[in-house]
């Protein structure tokens, strides 16, 4: 009976260690437990990110926050959720210069919403 308990205890400890290692890997890849801390990290990495002017939920895993970037630009940030963990989902565009976009300090994109048609703005956000 005692050997059976030790056997199960060993497997429980192995399982808990595996879960902790999995969470550690997720945190190392940019996930954190709070989306507010992700937004604060974005602002601390690039001080041009100002106030949030627009926020929406795309689906149960992604949220979009549009920051005022500098004086006349706007920078969308897509946050991705995995369980209770959040991270900045870095995305890119192929025609950055053609669409009057600018790279930000956190590998994001800033652009002037007023210089684009409504169709292009919607496509950019939902990509």
C-alpha atoms as a PDB file:
ATOM      1  CA  UNK A   1       0.000   0.000   0.000  1.00  0.00           C
ATOM      2  CA  UNK A   2       2.820   2.373   0.852  1.00  0.00           C
ATOM      3  CA  UNK A   3       4.521   1.698  -2.491  1.00  0.00           C
ATOM      4  CA  UNK A   4       1.335   2.603  -4.358  1.00  0.00           C
ATOM      5  CA  UNK A   5       1.132   5.967  -2.617  1.00  0.00           C
ATOM      6  CA  UNK A   6       4.744   6.732  -3.476  1.00  0.00           C
ATOM      7  CA  UNK A   7       4.069   5.741  -7.080  1.00  0.00           C
ATOM      8  CA  UNK A   8       1.100   8.133  -7.358  1.00  0.00           C
ATOM      9  CA  UNK A   9       2.930  10.877  -5.473  1.00  0.00           C
ATOM     10  CA  UNK A  10       5.824  10.649  -7.928  1.00  0.00           C
ATOM     11  CA  UNK A  11       3.452  11.021 -10.893  1.00  0.00           C
ATOM     12  CA  UNK A  12       1.688  13.959  -9.260  1.00  0.00           C
ATOM     13  CA  UNK A  13       5.030  15.688  -8.695  1.00  0.00           C
ATOM     14  CA  UNK A  14       6.067  15.004 -12.301  1.00  0.00           C
ATOM     15  CA  UNK A  15       2.760  16.440 -13.554  1.00  0.00           C
ATOM     16  CA  UNK A  16       3.053  19.583 -11.401  1.00  0.00           C
ATOM     17  CA  UNK A  17       6.654  20.082 -12.547  1.00  0.00           C
ATOM     18  CA  UNK A  18       5.562  19.724 -16.178  1.00  0.00           C
ATOM     19  CA  UNK A  19       2.785  22.290 -15.773  1.00  0.00           C
ATOM     20  CA  UNK A  20       5.163  24.747 -14.116  1.00  0.00           C
ATOM     21  CA  UNK A  21       7.712  24.294 -16.914  1.00  0.00           C
ATOM     22  CA  UNK A  22       4.982  24.854 -19.521  1.00  0.00           C
ATOM     23  CA  UNK A  23       3.887  28.092 -17.831  1.00  0.00           C
ATOM     24  CA  UNK A  24       7.528  29.187 -17.584  1.00  0.00           C
ATOM     25  CA  UNK A  25       7.989  28.638 -21.332  1.00  0.00           C
ATOM     26  CA  UNK A  26       4.843  30.666 -22.054  1.00  0.00           C
ATOM     27  CA  UNK A  27       6.059  33.523 -19.873  1.00  0.00           C
ATOM     28  CA  UNK A  28       9.451  33.438 -21.614  1.00  0.00           C
ATOM     29  CA  UNK A  29       7.691  33.812 -24.994  1.00  0.00           C
ATOM     30  CA  UNK A  30       5.996  37.020 -23.895  1.00  0.00           C
ATOM     31  CA  UNK A  31       2.855  35.854 -22.131  1.00  0.00           C
ATOM     32  CA  UNK A  32       1.896  37.417 -18.813  1.00  0.00           C
ATOM     33  CA  UNK A  33      -1.033  37.024 -16.442  1.00  0.00           C
ATOM     34  CA  UNK A  34      -2.387  40.555 -16.897  1.00  0.00           C
ATOM     35  CA  UNK A  35      -3.228  42.414 -20.092  1.00  0.00           C
ATOM     36  CA  UNK A  36      -2.728  45.676 -18.196  1.00  0.00           C
ATOM     37  CA  UNK A  37       0.909  44.745 -17.597  1.00  0.00           C
ATOM     38  CA  UNK A  38       1.281  44.013 -21.332  1.00  0.00           C
ATOM     39  CA  UNK A  39      -0.067  47.478 -22.163  1.00  0.00           C
ATOM     40  CA  UNK A  40       2.229  49.070 -19.555  1.00  0.00           C
ATOM     41  CA  UNK A  41       5.212  47.198 -21.013  1.00  0.00           C
ATOM     42  CA  UNK A  42       4.359  48.550 -24.474  1.00  0.00           C
ATOM     43  CA  UNK A  43       4.299  52.103 -23.142  1.00  0.00           C
ATOM     44  CA  UNK A  44       7.567  51.641 -21.262  1.00  0.00           C
ATOM     45  CA  UNK A  45       9.357  50.225 -24.328  1.00  0.00           C
ATOM     46  CA  UNK A  46       8.241  53.045 -26.628  1.00  0.00           C
ATOM     47  CA  UNK A  47       7.267  56.329 -24.918  1.00  0.00           C
ATOM     48  CA  UNK A  48       5.474  57.607 -28.040  1.00  0.00           C
ATOM     49  CA  UNK A  49       2.553  55.304 -27.221  1.00  0.00           C
ATOM     50  CA  UNK A  50       0.033  57.647 -25.637  1.00  0.00           C
ATOM     51  CA  UNK A  51      -3.541  57.187 -24.513  1.00  0.00           C
ATOM     52  CA  UNK A  52      -5.808  54.423 -25.770  1.00  0.00           C
ATOM     53  CA  UNK A  53      -8.310  55.946 -28.188  1.00  0.00           C
ATOM     54  CA  UNK A  54     -10.124  52.775 -29.261  1.00  0.00           C
ATOM     55  CA  UNK A  55     -10.479  49.246 -27.930  1.00  0.00           C
ATOM     56  CA  UNK A  56     -12.462  46.295 -29.220  1.00  0.00           C
ATOM     57  CA  UNK A  57     -12.658  42.530 -28.872  1.00  0.00           C
ATOM     58  CA  UNK A  58     -12.154  40.569 -32.087  1.00  0.00           C
ATOM     59  CA  UNK A  59     -12.979  37.144 -30.675  1.00  0.00           C
ATOM     60  CA  UNK A  60     -12.553  35.281 -27.407  1.00  0.00           C
ATOM     61  CA  UNK A  61      -8.748  35.184 -27.893  1.00  0.00           C
ATOM     62  CA  UNK A  62      -7.850  38.603 -29.355  1.00  0.00           C
ATOM     63  CA  UNK A  63      -8.389  42.215 -28.379  1.00  0.00           C
ATOM     64  CA  UNK A  64      -7.312  45.325 -30.307  1.00  0.00           C
ATOM     65  CA  UNK A  65      -6.164  48.527 -28.605  1.00  0.00           C
ATOM     66  CA  UNK A  66      -5.424  51.599 -30.711  1.00  0.00           C
ATOM     67  CA  UNK A  67      -2.973  54.018 -29.108  1.00  0.00           C
ATOM     68  CA  UNK A  68      -2.329  57.628 -30.019  1.00  0.00           C
ATOM     69  CA  UNK A  69       1.253  57.463 -31.343  1.00  0.00           C
ATOM     70  CA  UNK A  70       3.103  60.739 -31.358  1.00  0.00           C
ATOM     71  CA  UNK A  71       1.190  63.765 -32.617  1.00  0.00           C
ATOM     72  CA  UNK A  72      -0.875  62.573 -35.565  1.00  0.00           C
ATOM     73  CA  UNK A  73      -0.436  58.793 -35.841  1.00  0.00           C
ATOM     74  CA  UNK A  74      -2.286  55.838 -34.371  1.00  0.00           C
ATOM     75  CA  UNK A  75      -0.782  52.460 -33.485  1.00  0.00           C
ATOM     76  CA  UNK A  76      -2.963  49.361 -33.103  1.00  0.00           C
ATOM     77  CA  UNK A  77      -1.847  46.624 -30.734  1.00  0.00           C
ATOM     78  CA  UNK A  78      -3.382  43.153 -30.848  1.00  0.00           C
ATOM     79  CA  UNK A  79      -3.350  41.263 -27.547  1.00  0.00           C
ATOM     80  CA  UNK A  80      -3.654  37.504 -27.734  1.00  0.00           C
ATOM     81  CA  UNK A  81      -4.984  35.339 -24.895  1.00  0.00           C
ATOM     82  CA  UNK A  82      -4.066  31.754 -24.103  1.00  0.00           C
ATOM     83  CA  UNK A  83      -6.059  30.590 -21.103  1.00  0.00           C
ATOM     84  CA  UNK A  84      -5.473  33.298 -18.513  1.00  0.00           C
ATOM     85  CA  UNK A  85      -2.195  34.488 -20.079  1.00  0.00           C
ATOM     86  CA  UNK A  86      -1.873  37.517 -22.400  1.00  0.00           C
ATOM     87  CA  UNK A  87       0.781  38.727 -24.850  1.00  0.00           C
ATOM     88  CA  UNK A  88       1.328  41.306 -27.560  1.00  0.00           C
ATOM     89  CA  UNK A  89       0.668  39.535 -30.851  1.00  0.00           C
ATOM     90  CA  UNK A  90       3.315  41.108 -33.094  1.00  0.00           C
ATOM     91  CA  UNK A  91       2.120  41.413 -36.662  1.00  0.00           C
ATOM     92  CA  UNK A  92       3.554  43.006 -39.763  1.00  0.00           C
ATOM     93  CA  UNK A  93       2.458  44.480 -43.062  1.00  0.00           C
ATOM     94  CA  UNK A  94       4.096  43.966 -46.433  1.00  0.00           C
ATOM     95  CA  UNK A  95       3.473  47.421 -47.915  1.00  0.00           C
ATOM     96  CA  UNK A  96       4.363  49.650 -44.978  1.00  0.00           C
ATOM     97  CA  UNK A  97       5.902  52.512 -46.955  1.00  0.00           C
ATOM     98  CA  UNK A  98       3.226  52.398 -49.641  1.00  0.00           C
ATOM     99  CA  UNK A  99       0.424  52.879 -47.114  1.00  0.00           C
ATOM    100  CA  UNK A 100       2.130  55.720 -45.178  1.00  0.00           C
ATOM    101  CA  UNK A 101       2.863  53.551 -42.159  1.00  0.00           C
ATOM    102  CA  UNK A 102       5.777  53.812 -39.760  1.00  0.00           C
ATOM    103  CA  UNK A 103       7.490  51.197 -37.637  1.00  0.00           C
ATOM    104  CA  UNK A 104       7.260  51.728 -33.885  1.00  0.00           C
ATOM    105  CA  UNK A 105       9.790  50.871 -31.203  1.00  0.00           C
ATOM    106  CA  UNK A 106       8.103  47.594 -30.281  1.00  0.00           C
ATOM    107  CA  UNK A 107       8.016  46.098 -33.803  1.00  0.00           C
ATOM    108  CA  UNK A 108       4.519  47.466 -34.362  1.00  0.00           C
ATOM    109  CA  UNK A 109       3.041  49.779 -36.966  1.00  0.00           C
ATOM    110  CA  UNK A 110       1.704  53.329 -36.626  1.00  0.00           C
ATOM    111  CA  UNK A 111      -0.342  55.055 -39.311  1.00  0.00           C
ATOM    112  CA  UNK A 112      -2.707  57.906 -39.953  1.00  0.00           C
ATOM    113  CA  UNK A 113      -6.282  56.588 -40.027  1.00  0.00           C
ATOM    114  CA  UNK A 114      -7.443  59.729 -41.808  1.00  0.00           C
ATOM    115  CA  UNK A 115      -5.208  59.071 -44.815  1.00  0.00           C
ATOM    116  CA  UNK A 116      -6.764  55.668 -45.523  1.00  0.00           C
ATOM    117  CA  UNK A 117     -10.089  54.583 -46.842  1.00  0.00           C
ATOM    118  CA  UNK A 118     -12.465  52.851 -44.439  1.00  0.00           C
ATOM    119  CA  UNK A 119     -12.027  49.505 -46.225  1.00  0.00           C
ATOM    120  CA  UNK A 120      -8.246  49.543 -45.797  1.00  0.00           C
ATOM    121  CA  UNK A 121      -8.496  50.455 -42.098  1.00  0.00           C
ATOM    122  CA  UNK A 122     -10.893  47.584 -41.418  1.00  0.00           C
ATOM    123  CA  UNK A 123      -8.695  45.111 -43.296  1.00  0.00           C
ATOM    124  CA  UNK A 124      -5.635  46.224 -41.328  1.00  0.00           C
ATOM    125  CA  UNK A 125      -7.309  45.782 -37.963  1.00  0.00           C
ATOM    126  CA  UNK A 126      -8.805  42.360 -38.700  1.00  0.00           C
ATOM    127  CA  UNK A 127      -5.666  40.859 -40.213  1.00  0.00           C
END
